[in-house]
């Protein structure tokens, strides 16, 4: 189980840029989280709170923030499937 208290691990810059692009275009992403959850959601914004970065998403009208380091992969037809890696 992923906890909110674990240390944040920044993700790879290219992966971050792809998520930013998804937000700018309001893309519907297929997301796989590291805890096994799968979801389809519209990318809305990238937010940072207390040195932790989040992807703000819209799932059927409900807003939710996902910690970037809890995302295993995301996909969209324009970028294919991106497996998220930690920054070096």
C-alpha atoms as a PDB file:
ATOM      1  CA  UNK A   1       0.000   0.000   0.000  1.00  0.00           C
ATOM      2  CA  UNK A   2       1.326   3.436  -0.898  1.00  0.00           C
ATOM      3  CA  UNK A   3       1.241   5.959   1.900  1.00  0.00           C
ATOM      4  CA  UNK A   4       1.074   9.720   1.758  1.00  0.00           C
ATOM      5  CA  UNK A   5       3.979   9.960   4.235  1.00  0.00           C
ATOM      6  CA  UNK A   6       6.668   8.207   2.196  1.00  0.00           C
ATOM      7  CA  UNK A   7       9.448  10.383   0.769  1.00  0.00           C
ATOM      8  CA  UNK A   8       8.609  11.808  -2.643  1.00  0.00           C
ATOM      9  CA  UNK A   9      10.813  10.578  -5.492  1.00  0.00           C
ATOM     10  CA  UNK A  10      10.828  13.002  -8.459  1.00  0.00           C
ATOM     11  CA  UNK A  11      10.036  11.427 -11.811  1.00  0.00           C
ATOM     12  CA  UNK A  12      12.108  11.546 -15.000  1.00  0.00           C
ATOM     13  CA  UNK A  13      11.955  14.938 -16.792  1.00  0.00           C
ATOM     14  CA  UNK A  14      10.717  13.442 -20.082  1.00  0.00           C
ATOM     15  CA  UNK A  15       7.847  11.690 -18.287  1.00  0.00           C
ATOM     16  CA  UNK A  16       6.997  14.955 -16.510  1.00  0.00           C
ATOM     17  CA  UNK A  17       7.013  16.818 -19.848  1.00  0.00           C
ATOM     18  CA  UNK A  18       4.623  14.253 -21.347  1.00  0.00           C
ATOM     19  CA  UNK A  19       2.237  14.739 -18.410  1.00  0.00           C
ATOM     20  CA  UNK A  20       2.455  18.524 -18.866  1.00  0.00           C
ATOM     21  CA  UNK A  21       1.611  18.095 -22.549  1.00  0.00           C
ATOM     22  CA  UNK A  22      -1.358  15.915 -21.582  1.00  0.00           C
ATOM     23  CA  UNK A  23      -2.614  18.667 -19.243  1.00  0.00           C
ATOM     24  CA  UNK A  24      -2.208  21.391 -21.867  1.00  0.00           C
ATOM     25  CA  UNK A  25      -4.317  19.326 -24.282  1.00  0.00           C
ATOM     26  CA  UNK A  26      -6.797  18.037 -21.668  1.00  0.00           C
ATOM     27  CA  UNK A  27      -6.047  14.511 -22.856  1.00  0.00           C
ATOM     28  CA  UNK A  28      -7.957  11.510 -21.582  1.00  0.00           C
ATOM     29  CA  UNK A  29      -5.243   9.240 -20.193  1.00  0.00           C
ATOM     30  CA  UNK A  30      -5.249   5.595 -19.252  1.00  0.00           C
ATOM     31  CA  UNK A  31      -3.301   5.471 -15.996  1.00  0.00           C
ATOM     32  CA  UNK A  32      -1.848   2.538 -14.065  1.00  0.00           C
ATOM     33  CA  UNK A  33      -0.879   3.235 -10.467  1.00  0.00           C
ATOM     34  CA  UNK A  34       1.834   1.383  -8.565  1.00  0.00           C
ATOM     35  CA  UNK A  35      -0.781  -0.048  -6.175  1.00  0.00           C
ATOM     36  CA  UNK A  36      -2.479  -1.783  -9.122  1.00  0.00           C
ATOM     37  CA  UNK A  37      -5.351   0.683  -9.635  1.00  0.00           C
ATOM     38  CA  UNK A  38      -6.231   1.368 -13.286  1.00  0.00           C
ATOM     39  CA  UNK A  39      -8.166   4.447 -14.366  1.00  0.00           C
ATOM     40  CA  UNK A  40      -9.161   6.582 -17.305  1.00  0.00           C
ATOM     41  CA  UNK A  41      -9.118  10.273 -16.512  1.00  0.00           C
ATOM     42  CA  UNK A  42      -8.730  13.685 -18.090  1.00  0.00           C
ATOM     43  CA  UNK A  43      -5.389  15.349 -17.326  1.00  0.00           C
ATOM     44  CA  UNK A  44      -6.025  18.842 -15.918  1.00  0.00           C
ATOM     45  CA  UNK A  45      -2.977  20.323 -14.213  1.00  0.00           C
ATOM     46  CA  UNK A  46       0.383  19.698 -12.572  1.00  0.00           C
ATOM     47  CA  UNK A  47       0.530  20.933  -8.981  1.00  0.00           C
ATOM     48  CA  UNK A  48       3.217  21.005  -6.324  1.00  0.00           C
ATOM     49  CA  UNK A  49       2.528  21.026  -2.599  1.00  0.00           C
ATOM     50  CA  UNK A  50       5.151  20.677   0.138  1.00  0.00           C
ATOM     51  CA  UNK A  51       7.796  19.518  -2.370  1.00  0.00           C
ATOM     52  CA  UNK A  52       5.521  16.763  -3.711  1.00  0.00           C
ATOM     53  CA  UNK A  53       4.296  16.921  -7.328  1.00  0.00           C
ATOM     54  CA  UNK A  54       0.821  15.808  -8.353  1.00  0.00           C
ATOM     55  CA  UNK A  55      -1.166  15.266 -11.530  1.00  0.00           C
ATOM     56  CA  UNK A  56      -4.605  16.796 -11.112  1.00  0.00           C
ATOM     57  CA  UNK A  57      -7.165  14.672 -12.962  1.00  0.00           C
ATOM     58  CA  UNK A  58     -10.889  14.600 -13.649  1.00  0.00           C
ATOM     59  CA  UNK A  59     -12.569  11.203 -13.405  1.00  0.00           C
ATOM     60  CA  UNK A  60     -16.196  11.483 -14.566  1.00  0.00           C
ATOM     61  CA  UNK A  61     -16.508  14.968 -13.070  1.00  0.00           C
ATOM     62  CA  UNK A  62     -14.684  14.153  -9.831  1.00  0.00           C
ATOM     63  CA  UNK A  63     -11.339  15.869  -9.196  1.00  0.00           C
ATOM     64  CA  UNK A  64      -8.445  13.877  -7.786  1.00  0.00           C
ATOM     65  CA  UNK A  65      -4.722  14.496  -7.346  1.00  0.00           C
ATOM     66  CA  UNK A  66      -2.275  11.665  -8.033  1.00  0.00           C
ATOM     67  CA  UNK A  67       1.261  11.762  -6.700  1.00  0.00           C
ATOM     68  CA  UNK A  68       3.550  11.539  -9.716  1.00  0.00           C
ATOM     69  CA  UNK A  69       5.721   8.892  -8.038  1.00  0.00           C
ATOM     70  CA  UNK A  70       2.635   6.701  -7.530  1.00  0.00           C
ATOM     71  CA  UNK A  71       1.964   6.514 -11.296  1.00  0.00           C
ATOM     72  CA  UNK A  72       3.426   3.361 -12.881  1.00  0.00           C
ATOM     73  CA  UNK A  73       2.457   4.249 -16.461  1.00  0.00           C
ATOM     74  CA  UNK A  74       0.141   6.370 -18.564  1.00  0.00           C
ATOM     75  CA  UNK A  75      -0.948   6.200 -22.170  1.00  0.00           C
ATOM     76  CA  UNK A  76      -2.606   8.262 -24.880  1.00  0.00           C
ATOM     77  CA  UNK A  77      -2.732   7.672 -28.677  1.00  0.00           C
ATOM     78  CA  UNK A  78      -0.492  10.702 -29.365  1.00  0.00           C
ATOM     79  CA  UNK A  79       2.355   9.548 -27.084  1.00  0.00           C
ATOM     80  CA  UNK A  80       1.823   5.803 -26.729  1.00  0.00           C
ATOM     81  CA  UNK A  81       2.435   4.175 -23.349  1.00  0.00           C
ATOM     82  CA  UNK A  82       4.913   5.863 -21.032  1.00  0.00           C
ATOM     83  CA  UNK A  83       6.359   3.806 -18.170  1.00  0.00           C
ATOM     84  CA  UNK A  84       7.236   6.329 -15.476  1.00  0.00           C
ATOM     85  CA  UNK A  85      10.774   6.208 -14.137  1.00  0.00           C
ATOM     86  CA  UNK A  86      12.460   8.105 -11.326  1.00  0.00           C
ATOM     87  CA  UNK A  87      14.809  10.937 -12.163  1.00  0.00           C
ATOM     88  CA  UNK A  88      18.530  10.196 -12.156  1.00  0.00           C
END
